[in-house]
């Protein structure tokens, strides 16, 4: 226990039993340490002196407060001497449970939109995963524009935020519609009449098959 108290106080004591005299007098020394401390007293004059001095202070304190009639408050000087002989334990600040997970915020603004090389189609990158070779983007298609047929190198997911998105000759997606295309599949030409905004997660390695 005494070594632990020294560490908490940030001090290094030349004697491992340095603080045990006060604990012994206060009845706070662990029973398992009693025999070791008493044996140590025979070889350490410093600890014997601390024990004798502490015992004297405790006796004087007892005499000051245990008197006939109402209890008397001990003098401030005596109280300070007793408290000053005890080690100060400074609690270390609690360690955080763990680092906060990293995150990135992409604000809703006109910044970041870039031309894709396809007329009327712009994209805004939200997240790029170089290890998996995937890209999370917003895609904005102008009214009457289209995107060419392409083969997927990995799974592609598409969610229509607003507008209309035609897929080939048959399917027309509306806001809230979602589609997924597996790796190796081919998307026919995608088009829009009134324009649309899409949320897409796709591979960086898709193969364009024909120009829209």
Protein backbone atom coordinates (compact mmCIF):
# COMPACT_ATOMS: atom_id res chain seq x y z
CA UNK A 1 0.00 0.00 0.00
CA UNK A 2 2.78 2.44 0.87
CA UNK A 3 4.41 1.99 -2.55
CA UNK A 4 1.09 2.65 -4.25
CA UNK A 5 0.64 5.87 -2.27
CA UNK A 6 4.11 7.02 -3.28
CA UNK A 7 3.28 6.48 -6.93
CA UNK A 8 0.01 8.40 -6.64
CA UNK A 9 1.82 11.28 -5.02
CA UNK A 10 4.44 11.34 -7.78
CA UNK A 11 7.30 10.91 -5.28
CA UNK A 12 10.00 8.29 -4.99
CA UNK A 13 10.84 7.33 -1.39
CA UNK A 14 14.17 5.82 -0.36
CA UNK A 15 12.28 3.52 2.02
CA UNK A 16 9.44 1.27 0.86
CA UNK A 17 7.80 1.64 4.31
CA UNK A 18 8.10 5.43 4.31
CA UNK A 19 4.37 6.12 4.74
CA UNK A 20 3.45 3.10 6.84
CA UNK A 21 3.95 4.71 10.26
CA UNK A 22 1.01 7.09 9.79
CA UNK A 23 -1.16 4.32 8.37
CA UNK A 24 -0.23 2.05 11.28
CA UNK A 25 -1.20 4.71 13.84
CA UNK A 26 -4.49 5.40 12.09
CA UNK A 27 -5.35 1.71 11.85
CA UNK A 28 -5.32 1.89 8.04
CA UNK A 29 -2.32 -0.36 7.41
CA UNK A 30 -3.35 -3.69 5.89
CA UNK A 31 -3.15 -6.59 8.34
CA UNK A 32 -0.98 -8.48 5.89
CA UNK A 33 1.66 -5.71 6.24
CA UNK A 34 1.70 -5.50 10.06
CA UNK A 35 4.39 -8.12 10.66
CA UNK A 36 6.59 -6.79 7.86
CA UNK A 37 6.37 -3.24 9.16
CA UNK A 38 7.12 -4.21 12.75
CA UNK A 39 10.13 -6.24 11.63
CA UNK A 40 11.27 -3.29 9.50
CA UNK A 41 11.16 -0.94 12.52
CA UNK A 42 14.07 -2.82 14.06
CA UNK A 43 16.32 -1.86 11.17
CA UNK A 44 15.07 1.62 10.23
CA UNK A 45 15.67 4.52 12.62
CA UNK A 46 13.80 6.93 10.36
CA UNK A 47 10.58 4.92 10.49
CA UNK A 48 10.95 4.44 14.26
CA UNK A 49 11.27 8.20 14.64
CA UNK A 50 8.19 8.81 12.50
CA UNK A 51 6.20 6.27 14.53
CA UNK A 52 7.24 7.84 17.87
CA UNK A 53 6.51 11.36 16.62
CA UNK A 54 3.17 10.32 15.21
CA UNK A 55 2.20 8.52 18.40
CA UNK A 56 2.93 11.67 20.38
CA UNK A 57 0.75 13.76 18.10
CA UNK A 58 -2.11 11.28 18.29
CA UNK A 59 -1.86 11.18 22.09
CA UNK A 60 -1.95 14.98 22.30
CA UNK A 61 -4.90 15.09 19.93
CA UNK A 62 -6.79 12.54 22.03
CA UNK A 63 -6.09 14.58 25.16
CA UNK A 64 -7.28 17.75 23.47
CA UNK A 65 -10.65 16.38 22.33
CA UNK A 66 -11.46 13.82 25.05
CA UNK A 67 -11.95 16.08 28.05
CA UNK A 68 -14.57 16.26 30.71
CA UNK A 69 -17.56 18.32 29.70
CA UNK A 70 -18.25 19.51 26.13
CA UNK A 71 -15.80 18.39 23.45
CA UNK A 72 -13.08 20.94 22.78
CA UNK A 73 -11.86 21.70 19.27
CA UNK A 74 -8.09 21.03 18.90
CA UNK A 75 -5.91 23.97 18.05
CA UNK A 76 -5.38 24.81 14.40
CA UNK A 77 -1.64 24.28 14.75
CA UNK A 78 -2.05 20.76 16.11
CA UNK A 79 -4.56 19.85 13.40
CA UNK A 80 -2.23 21.16 10.69
CA UNK A 81 0.71 19.16 12.10
CA UNK A 82 -1.29 15.93 12.08
CA UNK A 83 -2.70 16.45 8.61
CA UNK A 84 0.65 17.62 7.32
CA UNK A 85 2.28 14.36 8.42
CA UNK A 86 -0.01 12.36 6.16
CA UNK A 87 0.83 11.83 2.50
CA UNK A 88 -1.21 13.72 -0.07
CA UNK A 89 -2.87 11.47 -2.60
CA UNK A 90 -3.62 13.23 -5.85
CA UNK A 91 -6.05 11.35 -8.04
CA UNK A 92 -4.94 11.11 -11.62
CA UNK A 93 -7.53 12.17 -14.21
CA UNK A 94 -9.52 9.26 -15.52
CA UNK A 95 -8.24 7.95 -18.79
CA UNK A 96 -10.67 8.27 -21.69
CA UNK A 97 -12.49 5.07 -22.59
CA UNK A 98 -11.10 5.20 -26.06
CA UNK A 99 -10.40 7.51 -28.91
CA UNK A 100 -13.37 8.88 -30.79
CA UNK A 101 -13.76 7.21 -34.17
CA UNK A 102 -12.52 9.39 -37.07
CA UNK A 103 -15.17 10.83 -39.32
CA UNK A 104 -15.49 13.14 -42.29
CA UNK A 105 -18.23 15.64 -43.01
CA UNK A 106 -19.13 16.73 -46.53
CA UNK A 107 -21.44 19.76 -46.30
CA UNK A 108 -24.39 20.25 -48.64
CA UNK A 109 -23.09 22.92 -50.99
CA UNK A 110 -22.27 23.57 -54.62
CA UNK A 111 -18.59 23.02 -53.94
CA UNK A 112 -17.06 19.76 -55.09
CA UNK A 113 -19.22 19.11 -58.13
CA UNK A 114 -17.10 18.04 -61.12
CA UNK A 115 -17.71 17.23 -64.76
CA UNK A 116 -17.59 13.50 -65.54
CA UNK A 117 -16.72 13.79 -69.22
CA UNK A 118 -20.30 12.83 -70.13
CA UNK A 119 -22.39 15.79 -71.29
CA UNK A 120 -24.88 16.93 -68.65
CA UNK A 121 -23.59 14.57 -65.95
CA UNK A 122 -21.75 15.86 -62.88
CA UNK A 123 -20.49 14.00 -59.79
CA UNK A 124 -19.53 14.99 -56.26
CA UNK A 125 -17.25 12.57 -54.40
CA UNK A 126 -18.30 11.87 -50.81
CA UNK A 127 -15.91 9.06 -49.87
CA UNK A 128 -13.16 7.12 -51.61
CA UNK A 129 -11.98 3.71 -50.36
CA UNK A 130 -8.64 3.08 -52.06
CA UNK A 131 -8.23 -0.36 -50.48
CA UNK A 132 -11.58 -1.68 -51.73
CA UNK A 133 -11.49 0.49 -54.87
CA UNK A 134 -14.98 1.86 -54.24
CA UNK A 135 -16.35 5.37 -54.53
CA UNK A 136 -19.38 6.95 -52.85
CA UNK A 137 -20.73 9.82 -54.94
CA UNK A 138 -23.66 12.08 -55.65
CA UNK A 139 -24.50 12.17 -59.37
CA UNK A 140 -26.46 14.99 -60.94
CA UNK A 141 -27.90 14.49 -64.43
CA UNK A 142 -29.31 17.42 -66.39
CA UNK A 143 -32.71 17.08 -68.14
CA UNK A 144 -32.39 15.04 -71.32
CA UNK A 145 -28.93 13.68 -70.48
CA UNK A 146 -27.83 10.04 -70.39
CA UNK A 147 -24.99 7.88 -69.11
CA UNK A 148 -23.37 5.19 -71.30
CA UNK A 149 -23.66 1.45 -70.87
CA UNK A 150 -20.96 0.02 -68.58
CA UNK A 151 -19.80 -3.24 -66.98
CA UNK A 152 -19.47 -3.32 -63.18
CA UNK A 153 -16.13 -4.36 -61.70
CA UNK A 154 -17.86 -4.68 -58.31
CA UNK A 155 -21.35 -4.29 -56.85
CA UNK A 156 -23.03 -0.96 -57.63
CA UNK A 157 -25.82 0.57 -55.55
CA UNK A 158 -27.98 3.45 -56.72
CA UNK A 159 -30.64 5.42 -54.84
CA UNK A 160 -32.74 8.09 -56.56
CA UNK A 161 -32.90 11.23 -54.40
CA UNK A 162 -34.91 13.34 -56.81
CA UNK A 163 -36.12 13.37 -60.44
CA UNK A 164 -36.46 10.39 -62.78
CA UNK A 165 -33.91 7.83 -63.99
CA UNK A 166 -34.58 5.52 -66.92
CA UNK A 167 -32.66 2.24 -67.15
CA UNK A 168 -32.63 0.78 -70.67
CA UNK A 169 -35.96 0.72 -72.47
CA UNK A 170 -38.29 -0.42 -69.71
CA UNK A 171 -37.58 0.74 -66.14
CA UNK A 172 -38.02 4.32 -64.95
CA UNK A 173 -37.03 4.94 -61.36
CA UNK A 174 -38.58 7.64 -59.18
CA UNK A 175 -37.47 9.36 -55.94
CA UNK A 176 -36.96 6.74 -53.20
CA UNK A 177 -36.32 3.88 -55.67
CA UNK A 178 -33.17 1.81 -55.19
CA UNK A 179 -31.31 -0.62 -57.45
CA UNK A 180 -28.28 -2.86 -57.02
CA UNK A 181 -26.15 -4.38 -59.78
CA UNK A 182 -23.76 -7.23 -58.99
CA UNK A 183 -20.13 -7.46 -60.09
CA UNK A 184 -19.78 -8.46 -63.74
CA UNK A 185 -23.27 -7.27 -64.68
CA UNK A 186 -23.84 -4.74 -67.46
CA UNK A 187 -25.95 -1.62 -67.09
CA UNK A 188 -27.66 -0.44 -70.26
CA UNK A 189 -27.74 3.26 -71.08
CA UNK A 190 -29.31 5.26 -68.21
CA UNK A 191 -31.20 8.43 -69.03
CA UNK A 192 -33.44 11.11 -67.56
CA UNK A 193 -36.22 13.25 -68.94
CA UNK A 194 -36.51 15.92 -66.27
CA UNK A 195 -33.10 15.54 -64.61
CA UNK A 196 -32.21 13.68 -61.40
CA UNK A 197 -29.89 13.47 -58.41
CA UNK A 198 -28.56 10.05 -57.41
CA UNK A 199 -26.64 8.56 -54.49
CA UNK A 200 -24.27 5.89 -55.84
CA UNK A 201 -21.69 3.49 -54.41
CA UNK A 202 -19.66 1.87 -57.19
CA UNK A 203 -16.28 0.55 -58.23
CA UNK A 204 -13.54 2.83 -59.55
CA UNK A 205 -12.77 0.21 -62.18
CA UNK A 206 -16.06 -0.02 -64.12
CA UNK A 207 -15.67 -0.43 -67.89
CA UNK A 208 -17.49 1.95 -70.25
CA UNK A 209 -18.91 -0.09 -73.15
CA UNK A 210 -20.39 2.57 -75.44
CA UNK A 211 -20.84 6.31 -75.59
CA UNK A 212 -24.27 7.59 -74.56
